[in-house]
Amino acid sequence: MDIRSATAADEVNGDHLPVPDVLAHLAGRWRVTREVRDLASGDTGRFEGSTVFAPPPDGEGGLLHEESGDFTWQGVTRPATRTLRFLPGRVPGTADVRFADGRPFHDLDLRTGHHIAGHPCSADFYRGEFTVTDTGHWRSVWRVGGPAKDLVLTTDYVREG
């Protein structure tokens, strides 16, 4: 399957929680679990940690997404972190997601509770599917394909306190 295309068959069936303002919805602390599957080798890995969506200290608006935890791959566990910036999107209620250095990553529109985004990375392509099931749970599934990668990353977010 060409992961660049999204068809009706690709969309999740079931209940989605429409989110009128993605930045307001994501603000706060989330427990994160991520399964990483290498489809070529059959290897699997797991990330466990937390993500905080908070206003950035530079005051430039939006939310800073700071994730930290432990990633286990091939029996070895190491600390892992990543930072993204979620800026207000062109359409009210949406977000423009950027890497920490400001490079564009993807758009995010959860006004229906479900969104599909894409991101080219060198010769590989990342296709992300985002689903909000209720106020305290959402999921992202990234399918990464190309000459260097053949991965599925499934991340579940659970709101903390």
C-alpha atoms as a PDB file:
ATOM      1  CA  MET A   1       0.000   0.000   0.000  1.00  0.00           C
ATOM      2  CA  ASP A   2       1.236   3.491  -0.804  1.00  0.00           C
ATOM      3  CA  ILE A   3       1.229   5.152   2.610  1.00  0.00           C
ATOM      4  CA  ARG A   4       0.972   8.583   1.003  1.00  0.00           C
ATOM      5  CA  SER A   5      -2.665   8.067   0.051  1.00  0.00           C
ATOM      6  CA  ALA A   6      -5.561   8.182   2.465  1.00  0.00           C
ATOM      7  CA  THR A   7      -8.814   6.524   1.526  1.00  0.00           C
ATOM      8  CA  ALA A   8     -12.088   6.018   3.329  1.00  0.00           C
ATOM      9  CA  ALA A   9     -10.928   2.482   4.162  1.00  0.00           C
ATOM     10  CA  ASP A  10      -7.947   3.951   6.023  1.00  0.00           C
ATOM     11  CA  GLU A  11     -10.077   6.039   8.350  1.00  0.00           C
ATOM     12  CA  VAL A  12     -10.904   4.785  11.799  1.00  0.00           C
ATOM     13  CA  ASN A  13     -14.518   3.747  12.204  1.00  0.00           C
ATOM     14  CA  GLY A  14     -16.185   4.402  15.508  1.00  0.00           C
ATOM     15  CA  ASP A  15     -16.531   7.234  17.922  1.00  0.00           C
ATOM     16  CA  HIS A  16     -14.335  10.295  17.723  1.00  0.00           C
ATOM     17  CA  LEU A  17     -14.539  13.274  20.032  1.00  0.00           C
ATOM     18  CA  PRO A  18     -14.595  16.507  18.015  1.00  0.00           C
ATOM     19  CA  VAL A  19     -12.059  18.991  19.419  1.00  0.00           C
ATOM     20  CA  PRO A  20     -12.946  22.611  18.563  1.00  0.00           C
ATOM     21  CA  ASP A  21      -9.535  23.934  19.711  1.00  0.00           C
ATOM     22  CA  VAL A  22      -6.609  21.492  19.533  1.00  0.00           C
ATOM     23  CA  LEU A  23      -4.229  23.677  21.569  1.00  0.00           C
ATOM     24  CA  ALA A  24      -6.724  24.101  24.424  1.00  0.00           C
ATOM     25  CA  HIS A  25      -7.456  20.370  24.376  1.00  0.00           C
ATOM     26  CA  LEU A  26      -3.811  19.253  24.472  1.00  0.00           C
ATOM     27  CA  ALA A  27      -2.642  21.683  27.184  1.00  0.00           C
ATOM     28  CA  GLY A  28      -1.467  19.832  30.282  1.00  0.00           C
ATOM     29  CA  ARG A  29       0.327  16.615  31.152  1.00  0.00           C
ATOM     30  CA  TRP A  30      -0.208  13.252  29.428  1.00  0.00           C
ATOM     31  CA  ARG A  31       1.079   9.745  30.172  1.00  0.00           C
ATOM     32  CA  VAL A  32       2.551   8.278  26.964  1.00  0.00           C
ATOM     33  CA  THR A  33       3.072   4.712  25.793  1.00  0.00           C
ATOM     34  CA  ARG A  34       4.425   4.037  22.311  1.00  0.00           C
ATOM     35  CA  GLU A  35       4.929   0.752  20.507  1.00  0.00           C
ATOM     36  CA  VAL A  36       7.452   0.801  17.679  1.00  0.00           C
ATOM     37  CA  ARG A  37       7.316  -2.058  15.184  1.00  0.00           C
ATOM     38  CA  ASP A  38       9.951  -2.560  12.507  1.00  0.00           C
ATOM     39  CA  LEU A  39       7.976  -4.344   9.798  1.00  0.00           C
ATOM     40  CA  ALA A  40      11.125  -5.386   7.935  1.00  0.00           C
ATOM     41  CA  SER A  41      12.909  -7.082  10.846  1.00  0.00           C
ATOM     42  CA  GLY A  42       9.974  -7.889  13.116  1.00  0.00           C
ATOM     43  CA  ASP A  43      11.668  -6.103  16.025  1.00  0.00           C
ATOM     44  CA  THR A  44       9.511  -4.188  18.485  1.00  0.00           C
ATOM     45  CA  GLY A  45      10.310  -1.473  20.976  1.00  0.00           C
ATOM     46  CA  ARG A  46       8.429   0.433  23.636  1.00  0.00           C
ATOM     47  CA  PHE A  47       8.554   3.988  24.945  1.00  0.00           C
ATOM     48  CA  GLU A  48       7.010   4.862  28.312  1.00  0.00           C
ATOM     49  CA  GLY A  49       6.998   8.365  29.708  1.00  0.00           C
ATOM     50  CA  SER A  50       5.108  11.614  29.765  1.00  0.00           C
ATOM     51  CA  THR A  51       4.426  14.614  27.584  1.00  0.00           C
ATOM     52  CA  VAL A  52       3.753  18.137  28.780  1.00  0.00           C
ATOM     53  CA  PHE A  53       2.027  20.658  26.513  1.00  0.00           C
ATOM     54  CA  ALA A  54       2.718  24.084  28.029  1.00  0.00           C
ATOM     55  CA  PRO A  55       3.242  27.664  26.843  1.00  0.00           C
ATOM     56  CA  PRO A  56       6.853  28.117  25.705  1.00  0.00           C
ATOM     57  CA  PRO A  57       9.158  30.199  27.911  1.00  0.00           C
ATOM     58  CA  ASP A  58       9.942  32.512  24.965  1.00  0.00           C
ATOM     59  CA  GLY A  59       6.343  33.780  24.996  1.00  0.00           C
ATOM     60  CA  GLU A  60       5.930  33.253  21.234  1.00  0.00           C
ATOM     61  CA  GLY A  61       2.558  31.540  21.651  1.00  0.00           C
ATOM     62  CA  GLY A  62       1.264  28.078  21.038  1.00  0.00           C
ATOM     63  CA  LEU A  63       2.416  25.130  23.110  1.00  0.00           C
ATOM     64  CA  LEU A  64       5.756  23.467  23.637  1.00  0.00           C
ATOM     65  CA  HIS A  65       5.434  19.660  23.573  1.00  0.00           C
ATOM     66  CA  GLU A  66       8.153  18.158  25.761  1.00  0.00           C
ATOM     67  CA  GLU A  67       8.272  14.379  25.914  1.00  0.00           C
ATOM     68  CA  SER A  68      10.557  12.364  28.165  1.00  0.00           C
ATOM     69  CA  GLY A  69      10.771   8.767  29.272  1.00  0.00           C
ATOM     70  CA  ASP A  70      12.505   5.487  28.580  1.00  0.00           C
ATOM     71  CA  PHE A  71      12.740   3.686  25.241  1.00  0.00           C
ATOM     72  CA  THR A  72      13.477  -0.030  25.141  1.00  0.00           C
ATOM     73  CA  TRP A  73      14.773  -1.469  21.858  1.00  0.00           C
ATOM     74  CA  GLN A  74      16.308  -4.929  21.413  1.00  0.00           C
ATOM     75  CA  GLY A  75      16.436  -5.401  25.181  1.00  0.00           C
ATOM     76  CA  VAL A  76      18.287  -2.151  25.890  1.00  0.00           C
ATOM     77  CA  THR A  77      16.515   0.676  27.750  1.00  0.00           C
ATOM     78  CA  ARG A  78      17.717   4.257  27.333  1.00  0.00           C
ATOM     79  CA  PRO A  79      16.353   7.692  28.254  1.00  0.00           C
ATOM     80  CA  ALA A  80      14.574   9.409  25.369  1.00  0.00           C
ATOM     81  CA  THR A  81      13.281  12.944  24.848  1.00  0.00           C
ATOM     82  CA  ARG A  82      11.805  15.042  22.083  1.00  0.00           C
ATOM     83  CA  THR A  83      10.476  18.558  21.777  1.00  0.00           C
ATOM     84  CA  LEU A  84       7.935  19.869  19.288  1.00  0.00           C
ATOM     85  CA  ARG A  85       6.233  23.231  18.966  1.00  0.00           C
ATOM     86  CA  PHE A  86       2.467  23.394  18.372  1.00  0.00           C
ATOM     87  CA  LEU A  87       1.563  26.789  16.898  1.00  0.00           C
ATOM     88  CA  PRO A  88      -1.911  28.084  16.053  1.00  0.00           C
ATOM     89  CA  GLY A  89      -2.872  26.850  12.577  1.00  0.00           C
ATOM     90  CA  ARG A  90      -4.167  28.938   9.687  1.00  0.00           C
ATOM     91  CA  VAL A  91      -7.717  27.806  10.501  1.00  0.00           C
ATOM     92  CA  PRO A  92      -8.965  28.615  14.037  1.00  0.00           C
ATOM     93  CA  GLY A  93      -8.845  25.559  16.303  1.00  0.00           C
ATOM     94  CA  THR A  94      -6.078  23.803  14.333  1.00  0.00           C
ATOM     95  CA  ALA A  95      -2.319  23.580  14.893  1.00  0.00           C
ATOM     96  CA  ASP A  96       0.857  23.874  12.852  1.00  0.00           C
ATOM     97  CA  VAL A  97       3.290  21.358  14.354  1.00  0.00           C
ATOM     98  CA  ARG A  98       6.993  22.141  14.062  1.00  0.00           C
ATOM     99  CA  PHE A  99      10.222  20.515  15.134  1.00  0.00           C
ATOM    100  CA  ALA A 100      12.122  22.196  17.982  1.00  0.00           C
ATOM    101  CA  ASP A 101      14.347  24.011  15.460  1.00  0.00           C
ATOM    102  CA  GLY A 102      11.311  25.519  13.688  1.00  0.00           C
ATOM    103  CA  ARG A 103      11.185  23.232  10.630  1.00  0.00           C
ATOM    104  CA  PRO A 104       7.643  22.280   9.577  1.00  0.00           C
ATOM    105  CA  PHE A 105       6.427  18.810  10.612  1.00  0.00           C
ATOM    106  CA  HIS A 106       2.672  18.525   9.958  1.00  0.00           C
ATOM    107  CA  ASP A 107      -0.700  20.176  10.400  1.00  0.00           C
ATOM    108  CA  LEU A 108      -3.190  18.983  13.027  1.00  0.00           C
ATOM    109  CA  ASP A 109      -6.941  19.469  12.728  1.00  0.00           C
ATOM    110  CA  LEU A 110      -8.953  17.546  15.315  1.00  0.00           C
ATOM    111  CA  ARG A 111     -12.231  19.417  14.820  1.00  0.00           C
ATOM    112  CA  THR A 112     -13.832  16.102  13.753  1.00  0.00           C
ATOM    113  CA  GLY A 113     -11.826  14.096  16.308  1.00  0.00           C
ATOM    114  CA  HIS A 114      -9.791  12.467  13.537  1.00  0.00           C
ATOM    115  CA  HIS A 115      -7.012  13.731  11.242  1.00  0.00           C
ATOM    116  CA  ILE A 116      -4.511  12.348   8.729  1.00  0.00           C
ATOM    117  CA  ALA A 117      -1.235  14.186   8.089  1.00  0.00           C
ATOM    118  CA  GLY A 118       1.882  13.542   6.057  1.00  0.00           C
ATOM    119  CA  HIS A 119       5.550  14.458   6.294  1.00  0.00           C
ATOM    120  CA  PRO A 120       8.277  13.729   3.728  1.00  0.00           C
ATOM    121  CA  CYS A 121      11.672  13.055   5.318  1.00  0.00           C
ATOM    122  CA  SER A 122      14.480  12.531   2.810  1.00  0.00           C
ATOM    123  CA  ALA A 123      13.400   9.481   0.791  1.00  0.00           C
ATOM    124  CA  ASP A 124      11.005   8.248   3.512  1.00  0.00           C
ATOM    125  CA  PHE A 125       7.406   9.326   4.071  1.00  0.00           C
ATOM    126  CA  TYR A 126       5.615   9.607   7.414  1.00  0.00           C
ATOM    127  CA  ARG A 127       1.817   9.247   7.411  1.00  0.00           C
ATOM    128  CA  GLY A 128       0.187  10.110  10.721  1.00  0.00           C
ATOM    129  CA  GLU A 129      -3.332   9.327  11.847  1.00  0.00           C
ATOM    130  CA  PHE A 130      -4.672  11.075  14.958  1.00  0.00           C
ATOM    131  CA  THR A 131      -7.830  10.060  16.816  1.00  0.00           C
ATOM    132  CA  VAL A 132      -9.406  11.579  19.934  1.00  0.00           C
ATOM    133  CA  THR A 133     -11.696   9.115  21.716  1.00  0.00           C
ATOM    134  CA  ASP A 134     -12.640  11.210  24.764  1.00  0.00           C
ATOM    135  CA  THR A 135     -11.361  14.168  26.791  1.00  0.00           C
ATOM    136  CA  GLY A 136      -8.682  12.036  28.458  1.00  0.00           C
ATOM    137  CA  HIS A 137      -7.487   9.786  25.612  1.00  0.00           C
ATOM    138  CA  TRP A 138      -6.066  10.212  22.127  1.00  0.00           C
ATOM    139  CA  ARG A 139      -3.859   8.190  19.818  1.00  0.00           C
ATOM    140  CA  SER A 140      -1.419   8.774  16.993  1.00  0.00           C
ATOM    141  CA  VAL A 141      -0.339   6.095  14.546  1.00  0.00           C
ATOM    142  CA  TRP A 142       2.599   6.906  12.282  1.00  0.00           C
ATOM    143  CA  ARG A 143       3.366   4.634   9.343  1.00  0.00           C
ATOM    144  CA  VAL A 144       6.879   5.280   8.057  1.00  0.00           C
ATOM    145  CA  GLY A 145       7.912   3.871   4.702  1.00  0.00           C
ATOM    146  CA  GLY A 146      10.739   4.274   2.251  1.00  0.00           C
ATOM    147  CA  PRO A 147      14.117   2.848   1.382  1.00  0.00           C
ATOM    148  CA  ALA A 148      15.507   3.336   4.903  1.00  0.00           C
ATOM    149  CA  LYS A 149      12.465   2.586   7.094  1.00  0.00           C
ATOM    150  CA  ASP A 150       9.404   0.372   7.352  1.00  0.00           C
ATOM    151  CA  LEU A 151       7.909   1.196  10.741  1.00  0.00           C
ATOM    152  CA  VAL A 152       4.626   1.606  12.588  1.00  0.00           C
ATOM    153  CA  LEU A 153       4.651   3.792  15.707  1.00  0.00           C
ATOM    154  CA  THR A 154       1.465   3.661  17.802  1.00  0.00           C
ATOM    155  CA  THR A 155       1.270   6.168  20.643  1.00  0.00           C
ATOM    156  CA  ASP A 156      -1.466   6.308  23.274  1.00  0.00           C
ATOM    157  CA  TYR A 157      -1.904   9.434  25.387  1.00  0.00           C
ATOM    158  CA  VAL A 158      -3.787   9.431  28.700  1.00  0.00           C
ATOM    159  CA  ARG A 159      -4.402  12.724  30.479  1.00  0.00           C
ATOM    160  CA  GLU A 160      -2.833  12.919  33.941  1.00  0.00           C
ATOM    161  CA  GLY A 161      -4.539  14.499  36.945  1.00  0.00           C
END
